[in-house]
Amino acid sequence: MLKIYFAGSIRGGREQIDIYQKMLAYLRKYGQVLTEHIGEDNLTKRGESGMDDTTIYQRDIDWLVSSDMVVAEVSNPSLGVGFEIAKAIEFNKQVICFYRKQSDQRLSAMIAGCPDVKVFEYDIFEDFTGIIDSVFKKIKTNLK
């Protein structure tokens, strides 16, 4: 079963929680999502309670290492998501980012300009599903 690491802002803000939940649910049809907690309603921008930062870091690095690919929602700027993307590239993982174009901000050049990251702009959830279906169709074809 394909292991998917989903990255989305936590401490950088939870403005995208509704779309994270939809994305996570949709990604489950293609594999195991290791980072289900990103979509939890009780997770606030204060982060996870009951775990110290070192434990969270090590758990997430372990998940990154064991994942087959990273899918990141990057509309909300997040230091953690940027770090996860950089580590995923270092670990030779396929990285796919989704960015909802907004008039008041632009995607970081470090993500948009990185040749190791595929960035897709979307407006509505159905744009995401169409892109994901296409990506996974290609992955399935390449596995044959």
N, C-alpha and C. Protein backbone atom coordinates (compact mmCIF):
# COMPACT_ATOMS: atom_id res chain seq x y z
N MET A 1 0.85 -1.19 0.00
CA MET A 1 0.00 0.00 0.00
C MET A 1 0.89 1.25 0.00
N LEU A 2 0.55 2.18 -0.84
CA LEU A 2 1.28 3.44 -0.94
C LEU A 2 1.15 4.24 0.35
N LYS A 3 2.27 4.79 0.83
CA LYS A 3 2.27 5.60 2.05
C LYS A 3 2.43 7.07 1.65
N ILE A 4 1.45 7.88 2.05
CA ILE A 4 1.41 9.29 1.67
C ILE A 4 1.61 10.15 2.91
N TYR A 5 2.56 11.07 2.82
CA TYR A 5 2.79 12.05 3.88
C TYR A 5 2.11 13.33 3.44
N PHE A 6 1.06 13.73 4.16
CA PHE A 6 0.36 14.97 3.85
C PHE A 6 0.90 16.07 4.75
N ALA A 7 1.27 17.19 4.15
CA ALA A 7 1.78 18.33 4.92
C ALA A 7 0.83 19.51 4.77
N GLY A 8 0.54 20.13 5.91
CA GLY A 8 -0.30 21.32 5.95
C GLY A 8 0.03 22.11 7.20
N SER A 9 -0.24 23.36 7.17
CA SER A 9 0.12 24.25 8.27
C SER A 9 -0.59 23.89 9.58
N ILE A 10 0.17 23.89 10.65
CA ILE A 10 -0.41 23.73 11.99
C ILE A 10 -0.12 25.02 12.76
N ARG A 11 1.10 25.20 13.20
CA ARG A 11 1.45 26.38 14.00
C ARG A 11 1.46 27.65 13.18
N GLY A 12 1.56 27.52 11.87
CA GLY A 12 1.51 28.69 11.00
C GLY A 12 0.10 29.20 10.78
N GLY A 13 -0.89 28.48 11.29
CA GLY A 13 -2.29 28.88 11.16
C GLY A 13 -3.13 27.74 10.62
N ARG A 14 -4.36 27.69 11.04
CA ARG A 14 -5.26 26.60 10.67
C ARG A 14 -6.35 27.05 9.70
N GLU A 15 -6.09 28.11 8.96
CA GLU A 15 -7.09 28.68 8.06
C GLU A 15 -7.58 27.70 6.99
N GLN A 16 -6.78 26.72 6.66
CA GLN A 16 -7.10 25.79 5.58
C GLN A 16 -7.67 24.45 6.07
N ILE A 17 -8.04 24.35 7.35
CA ILE A 17 -8.46 23.08 7.94
C ILE A 17 -9.56 22.38 7.12
N ASP A 18 -10.53 23.13 6.62
CA ASP A 18 -11.62 22.50 5.86
C ASP A 18 -11.09 21.79 4.61
N ILE A 19 -10.20 22.45 3.90
CA ILE A 19 -9.66 21.83 2.68
C ILE A 19 -8.72 20.68 3.03
N TYR A 20 -7.96 20.80 4.15
CA TYR A 20 -7.11 19.69 4.57
C TYR A 20 -7.94 18.44 4.80
N GLN A 21 -9.06 18.59 5.48
CA GLN A 21 -9.92 17.44 5.78
C GLN A 21 -10.41 16.78 4.50
N LYS A 22 -10.81 17.58 3.53
CA LYS A 22 -11.28 17.02 2.26
C LYS A 22 -10.14 16.33 1.51
N MET A 23 -8.98 16.98 1.49
CA MET A 23 -7.83 16.40 0.80
C MET A 23 -7.41 15.07 1.43
N LEU A 24 -7.35 15.05 2.75
CA LEU A 24 -6.99 13.82 3.45
C LEU A 24 -7.96 12.69 3.13
N ALA A 25 -9.24 12.99 3.18
CA ALA A 25 -10.25 11.97 2.88
C ALA A 25 -10.07 11.46 1.45
N TYR A 26 -9.79 12.33 0.51
CA TYR A 26 -9.64 11.92 -0.87
C TYR A 26 -8.36 11.11 -1.08
N LEU A 27 -7.29 11.51 -0.43
CA LEU A 27 -6.02 10.79 -0.57
C LEU A 27 -6.10 9.36 -0.05
N ARG A 28 -6.97 9.11 0.92
CA ARG A 28 -7.11 7.76 1.49
C ARG A 28 -7.49 6.72 0.44
N LYS A 29 -8.12 7.14 -0.63
CA LYS A 29 -8.49 6.16 -1.67
C LYS A 29 -7.26 5.66 -2.44
N TYR A 30 -6.14 6.38 -2.29
CA TYR A 30 -4.92 5.99 -3.00
C TYR A 30 -3.87 5.35 -2.11
N GLY A 31 -4.07 5.40 -0.80
CA GLY A 31 -3.08 4.79 0.08
C GLY A 31 -3.28 5.19 1.53
N GLN A 32 -2.31 4.82 2.34
CA GLN A 32 -2.34 5.14 3.75
C GLN A 32 -1.77 6.55 3.96
N VAL A 33 -2.55 7.42 4.58
CA VAL A 33 -2.06 8.77 4.88
C VAL A 33 -1.47 8.72 6.28
N LEU A 34 -0.18 8.96 6.38
CA LEU A 34 0.53 8.83 7.65
C LEU A 34 0.24 9.98 8.62
N THR A 35 -0.18 11.10 8.09
CA THR A 35 -0.34 12.32 8.90
C THR A 35 -1.80 12.73 9.01
N GLU A 36 -2.64 11.79 9.34
CA GLU A 36 -4.08 12.04 9.48
C GLU A 36 -4.39 13.17 10.46
N HIS A 37 -3.55 13.34 11.47
CA HIS A 37 -3.82 14.33 12.52
C HIS A 37 -3.89 15.77 12.00
N ILE A 38 -3.35 16.03 10.81
CA ILE A 38 -3.38 17.38 10.24
C ILE A 38 -4.83 17.85 10.06
N GLY A 39 -5.73 16.94 9.85
CA GLY A 39 -7.13 17.30 9.63
C GLY A 39 -8.00 17.29 10.87
N GLU A 40 -7.44 17.02 12.02
CA GLU A 40 -8.26 16.95 13.23
C GLU A 40 -8.72 18.32 13.68
N ASP A 41 -10.01 18.42 13.99
CA ASP A 41 -10.59 19.70 14.44
C ASP A 41 -9.99 20.21 15.74
N ASN A 42 -9.60 19.30 16.61
CA ASN A 42 -9.07 19.72 17.91
C ASN A 42 -7.61 20.14 17.86
N LEU A 43 -6.97 20.00 16.72
CA LEU A 43 -5.60 20.45 16.55
C LEU A 43 -5.61 21.94 16.24
N THR A 44 -5.02 22.73 17.11
CA THR A 44 -5.02 24.18 16.93
C THR A 44 -3.63 24.64 16.51
N LYS A 45 -3.49 25.93 16.26
CA LYS A 45 -2.18 26.46 15.87
C LYS A 45 -1.17 26.41 17.01
N ARG A 46 -1.61 26.02 18.18
CA ARG A 46 -0.68 25.80 19.30
C ARG A 46 0.03 24.46 19.15
N GLY A 47 -0.44 23.62 18.23
CA GLY A 47 0.20 22.35 17.98
C GLY A 47 -0.42 21.21 18.75
N GLU A 48 0.28 20.11 18.79
CA GLU A 48 -0.21 18.90 19.46
C GLU A 48 0.07 18.99 20.96
N SER A 49 -0.92 18.65 21.74
CA SER A 49 -0.72 18.64 23.18
C SER A 49 -0.28 17.24 23.61
N GLY A 50 0.46 17.18 24.69
CA GLY A 50 0.89 15.90 25.22
C GLY A 50 2.17 15.36 24.61
N MET A 51 2.73 16.08 23.65
CA MET A 51 3.98 15.65 23.02
C MET A 51 4.94 16.83 23.00
N ASP A 52 6.20 16.58 23.31
CA ASP A 52 7.17 17.68 23.22
C ASP A 52 7.66 17.80 21.78
N ASP A 53 8.28 18.92 21.48
CA ASP A 53 8.71 19.21 20.11
C ASP A 53 9.69 18.17 19.56
N THR A 54 10.59 17.67 20.40
CA THR A 54 11.56 16.68 19.94
C THR A 54 10.87 15.38 19.52
N THR A 55 9.89 14.98 20.28
CA THR A 55 9.13 13.76 19.95
C THR A 55 8.36 13.94 18.65
N ILE A 56 7.72 15.09 18.50
CA ILE A 56 6.98 15.38 17.26
C ILE A 56 7.93 15.38 16.07
N TYR A 57 9.06 16.04 16.21
CA TYR A 57 10.06 16.10 15.13
C TYR A 57 10.48 14.69 14.72
N GLN A 58 10.86 13.85 15.68
CA GLN A 58 11.36 12.51 15.35
C GLN A 58 10.27 11.65 14.72
N ARG A 59 9.04 11.74 15.24
CA ARG A 59 7.93 10.99 14.66
C ARG A 59 7.70 11.40 13.21
N ASP A 60 7.69 12.71 12.96
CA ASP A 60 7.43 13.20 11.60
C ASP A 60 8.56 12.84 10.65
N ILE A 61 9.81 12.90 11.11
CA ILE A 61 10.93 12.49 10.26
C ILE A 61 10.81 11.00 9.94
N ASP A 62 10.46 10.19 10.93
CA ASP A 62 10.26 8.75 10.68
C ASP A 62 9.18 8.52 9.64
N TRP A 63 8.08 9.28 9.75
CA TRP A 63 7.01 9.17 8.75
C TRP A 63 7.51 9.58 7.37
N LEU A 64 8.26 10.67 7.30
CA LEU A 64 8.79 11.13 6.01
C LEU A 64 9.67 10.06 5.37
N VAL A 65 10.56 9.49 6.17
CA VAL A 65 11.46 8.46 5.66
C VAL A 65 10.67 7.26 5.13
N SER A 66 9.62 6.86 5.85
CA SER A 66 8.87 5.68 5.45
C SER A 66 7.84 5.94 4.35
N SER A 67 7.61 7.20 4.03
CA SER A 67 6.60 7.53 3.03
C SER A 67 7.10 7.27 1.61
N ASP A 68 6.14 7.12 0.71
CA ASP A 68 6.47 6.98 -0.71
C ASP A 68 6.44 8.32 -1.42
N MET A 69 5.65 9.25 -0.88
CA MET A 69 5.53 10.56 -1.51
C MET A 69 4.97 11.57 -0.51
N VAL A 70 5.12 12.85 -0.86
CA VAL A 70 4.59 13.93 -0.03
C VAL A 70 3.60 14.73 -0.86
N VAL A 71 2.44 14.97 -0.28
CA VAL A 71 1.45 15.87 -0.85
C VAL A 71 1.30 17.00 0.16
N ALA A 72 1.53 18.24 -0.28
CA ALA A 72 1.49 19.38 0.63
C ALA A 72 0.53 20.44 0.13
N GLU A 73 -0.24 20.99 1.05
CA GLU A 73 -1.07 22.15 0.76
C GLU A 73 -0.27 23.34 1.25
N VAL A 74 0.12 24.24 0.34
CA VAL A 74 1.09 25.30 0.67
C VAL A 74 0.51 26.71 0.55
N SER A 75 -0.82 26.84 0.57
CA SER A 75 -1.43 28.17 0.44
C SER A 75 -1.15 29.04 1.65
N ASN A 76 -1.07 28.43 2.82
CA ASN A 76 -0.80 29.18 4.04
C ASN A 76 0.68 29.03 4.38
N PRO A 77 1.45 30.13 4.37
CA PRO A 77 2.88 30.01 4.65
C PRO A 77 3.15 29.31 5.99
N SER A 78 4.08 28.36 5.98
CA SER A 78 4.38 27.57 7.16
C SER A 78 5.85 27.16 7.14
N LEU A 79 6.58 27.51 8.18
CA LEU A 79 7.98 27.09 8.29
C LEU A 79 8.09 25.57 8.34
N GLY A 80 7.18 24.94 9.08
CA GLY A 80 7.23 23.49 9.20
C GLY A 80 7.00 22.78 7.88
N VAL A 81 6.03 23.22 7.12
CA VAL A 81 5.75 22.59 5.82
C VAL A 81 6.94 22.79 4.88
N GLY A 82 7.53 23.97 4.89
CA GLY A 82 8.72 24.21 4.06
C GLY A 82 9.86 23.27 4.45
N PHE A 83 10.05 23.09 5.74
CA PHE A 83 11.08 22.18 6.24
C PHE A 83 10.79 20.75 5.81
N GLU A 84 9.54 20.33 5.94
CA GLU A 84 9.16 18.98 5.53
C GLU A 84 9.41 18.75 4.04
N ILE A 85 9.10 19.74 3.24
CA ILE A 85 9.33 19.63 1.80
C ILE A 85 10.83 19.50 1.51
N ALA A 86 11.64 20.32 2.17
CA ALA A 86 13.10 20.25 1.98
C ALA A 86 13.64 18.88 2.39
N LYS A 87 13.18 18.36 3.52
CA LYS A 87 13.64 17.04 3.97
C LYS A 87 13.17 15.95 3.01
N ALA A 88 11.95 16.06 2.50
CA ALA A 88 11.44 15.08 1.55
C ALA A 88 12.31 15.04 0.30
N ILE A 89 12.71 16.20 -0.17
CA ILE A 89 13.60 16.26 -1.33
C ILE A 89 14.93 15.59 -1.00
N GLU A 90 15.45 15.90 0.18
CA GLU A 90 16.71 15.28 0.64
C GLU A 90 16.59 13.76 0.68
N PHE A 91 15.41 13.25 1.05
CA PHE A 91 15.17 11.81 1.13
C PHE A 91 14.72 11.22 -0.21
N ASN A 92 14.78 12.02 -1.28
CA ASN A 92 14.42 11.57 -2.63
C ASN A 92 12.97 11.13 -2.76
N LYS A 93 12.07 11.85 -2.10
CA LYS A 93 10.65 11.57 -2.19
C LYS A 93 10.02 12.44 -3.28
N GLN A 94 9.00 11.92 -3.92
CA GLN A 94 8.23 12.74 -4.85
C GLN A 94 7.43 13.74 -4.03
N VAL A 95 7.49 15.03 -4.42
CA VAL A 95 6.79 16.09 -3.69
C VAL A 95 5.82 16.79 -4.63
N ILE A 96 4.55 16.82 -4.22
CA ILE A 96 3.51 17.49 -4.98
C ILE A 96 2.87 18.52 -4.05
N CYS A 97 2.85 19.77 -4.53
CA CYS A 97 2.28 20.86 -3.72
C CYS A 97 1.05 21.44 -4.40
N PHE A 98 0.10 21.82 -3.57
CA PHE A 98 -1.12 22.45 -4.04
C PHE A 98 -1.22 23.84 -3.43
N TYR A 99 -1.46 24.81 -4.31
CA TYR A 99 -1.49 26.21 -3.91
C TYR A 99 -2.77 26.86 -4.42
N ARG A 100 -3.54 27.40 -3.51
CA ARG A 100 -4.75 28.13 -3.88
C ARG A 100 -4.34 29.58 -4.10
N LYS A 101 -4.38 30.00 -5.35
CA LYS A 101 -3.94 31.35 -5.71
C LYS A 101 -4.78 32.39 -4.97
N GLN A 102 -4.09 33.32 -4.35
CA GLN A 102 -4.73 34.37 -3.58
C GLN A 102 -4.19 35.72 -4.04
N SER A 103 -5.05 36.71 -4.05
CA SER A 103 -4.63 38.01 -4.57
C SER A 103 -3.66 38.74 -3.64
N ASP A 104 -3.67 38.42 -2.36
CA ASP A 104 -2.86 39.18 -1.41
C ASP A 104 -1.50 38.56 -1.11
N GLN A 105 -1.19 37.38 -1.63
CA GLN A 105 0.12 36.79 -1.39
C GLN A 105 0.50 35.84 -2.52
N ARG A 106 1.81 35.62 -2.63
CA ARG A 106 2.33 34.72 -3.65
C ARG A 106 3.02 33.54 -2.98
N LEU A 107 3.10 32.46 -3.70
CA LEU A 107 3.80 31.29 -3.22
C LEU A 107 5.30 31.59 -3.14
N SER A 108 5.94 31.10 -2.10
CA SER A 108 7.38 31.29 -1.93
C SER A 108 8.14 30.80 -3.17
N ALA A 109 9.11 31.59 -3.58
CA ALA A 109 9.95 31.21 -4.72
C ALA A 109 10.74 29.94 -4.44
N MET A 110 11.01 29.66 -3.18
CA MET A 110 11.75 28.45 -2.81
C MET A 110 10.94 27.19 -3.09
N ILE A 111 9.63 27.31 -3.11
CA ILE A 111 8.77 26.18 -3.49
C ILE A 111 8.46 26.26 -4.98
N ALA A 112 7.97 27.42 -5.41
CA ALA A 112 7.56 27.59 -6.81
C ALA A 112 8.71 27.38 -7.79
N GLY A 113 9.91 27.74 -7.40
CA GLY A 113 11.05 27.64 -8.31
C GLY A 113 11.87 26.37 -8.19
N CYS A 114 11.52 25.51 -7.25
CA CYS A 114 12.30 24.29 -7.03
C CYS A 114 12.00 23.24 -8.09
N PRO A 115 13.02 22.78 -8.80
CA PRO A 115 12.78 21.78 -9.86
C PRO A 115 12.37 20.41 -9.32
N ASP A 116 12.56 20.17 -8.03
CA ASP A 116 12.21 18.88 -7.44
C ASP A 116 10.80 18.84 -6.87
N VAL A 117 10.05 19.92 -7.06
CA VAL A 117 8.70 20.03 -6.53
C VAL A 117 7.74 20.30 -7.67
N LYS A 118 6.65 19.55 -7.73
CA LYS A 118 5.60 19.84 -8.69
C LYS A 118 4.54 20.66 -7.98
N VAL A 119 4.27 21.84 -8.50
CA VAL A 119 3.27 22.73 -7.90
C VAL A 119 2.07 22.83 -8.81
N PHE A 120 0.90 22.66 -8.22
CA PHE A 120 -0.36 22.78 -8.94
C PHE A 120 -1.21 23.85 -8.27
N GLU A 121 -1.70 24.78 -9.06
CA GLU A 121 -2.64 25.78 -8.53
C GLU A 121 -4.04 25.22 -8.65
N TYR A 122 -4.87 25.58 -7.68
CA TYR A 122 -6.26 25.15 -7.72
C TYR A 122 -7.14 26.24 -7.14
N ASP A 123 -8.40 26.23 -7.53
CA ASP A 123 -9.36 27.18 -7.00
C ASP A 123 -10.37 26.49 -6.09
N ILE A 124 -10.84 25.33 -6.53
CA ILE A 124 -11.85 24.60 -5.77
C ILE A 124 -11.39 23.17 -5.55
N PHE A 125 -12.03 22.49 -4.63
CA PHE A 125 -11.64 21.12 -4.29
C PHE A 125 -11.65 20.19 -5.50
N GLU A 126 -12.59 20.37 -6.39
CA GLU A 126 -12.68 19.51 -7.57
C GLU A 126 -11.44 19.65 -8.46
N ASP A 127 -10.79 20.82 -8.44
CA ASP A 127 -9.52 20.96 -9.16
C ASP A 127 -8.49 20.01 -8.57
N PHE A 128 -8.42 19.98 -7.23
CA PHE A 128 -7.50 19.09 -6.53
C PHE A 128 -7.75 17.64 -6.90
N THR A 129 -9.01 17.21 -6.86
CA THR A 129 -9.31 15.80 -7.13
C THR A 129 -8.92 15.41 -8.55
N GLY A 130 -9.16 16.29 -9.50
CA GLY A 130 -8.78 16.00 -10.88
C GLY A 130 -7.28 15.86 -11.04
N ILE A 131 -6.53 16.75 -10.39
CA ILE A 131 -5.07 16.69 -10.47
C ILE A 131 -4.56 15.43 -9.79
N ILE A 132 -5.06 15.13 -8.60
CA ILE A 132 -4.62 13.94 -7.86
C ILE A 132 -4.92 12.67 -8.64
N ASP A 133 -6.11 12.60 -9.23
CA ASP A 133 -6.45 11.42 -10.04
C ASP A 133 -5.45 11.24 -11.18
N SER A 134 -5.08 12.34 -11.82
CA SER A 134 -4.12 12.28 -12.92
C SER A 134 -2.74 11.85 -12.43
N VAL A 135 -2.30 12.40 -11.31
CA VAL A 135 -0.99 12.05 -10.74
C VAL A 135 -0.94 10.57 -10.40
N PHE A 136 -1.97 10.07 -9.72
CA PHE A 136 -1.95 8.67 -9.31
C PHE A 136 -2.15 7.72 -10.49
N LYS A 137 -2.82 8.16 -11.52
CA LYS A 137 -2.93 7.35 -12.73
C LYS A 137 -1.53 7.14 -13.34
N LYS A 138 -0.73 8.21 -13.36
CA LYS A 138 0.64 8.12 -13.87
C LYS A 138 1.49 7.23 -12.98
N ILE A 139 1.33 7.35 -11.68
CA ILE A 139 2.10 6.51 -10.75
C ILE A 139 1.76 5.04 -10.97
N LYS A 140 0.48 4.75 -11.08
CA LYS A 140 0.03 3.37 -11.29
C LYS A 140 0.58 2.82 -12.61
N THR A 141 0.59 3.65 -13.65
CA THR A 141 1.13 3.24 -14.95
C THR A 141 2.61 2.95 -14.85
N ASN A 142 3.35 3.78 -14.11
CA ASN A 142 4.79 3.59 -13.96
C ASN A 142 5.15 2.37 -13.12
N LEU A 143 4.24 1.91 -12.27
CA LEU A 143 4.50 0.74 -11.44
C LEU A 143 4.34 -0.57 -12.21
N LYS A 144 3.67 -0.52 -13.37
CA LYS A 144 3.43 -1.74 -14.15
C LYS A 144 4.69 -2.19 -14.86
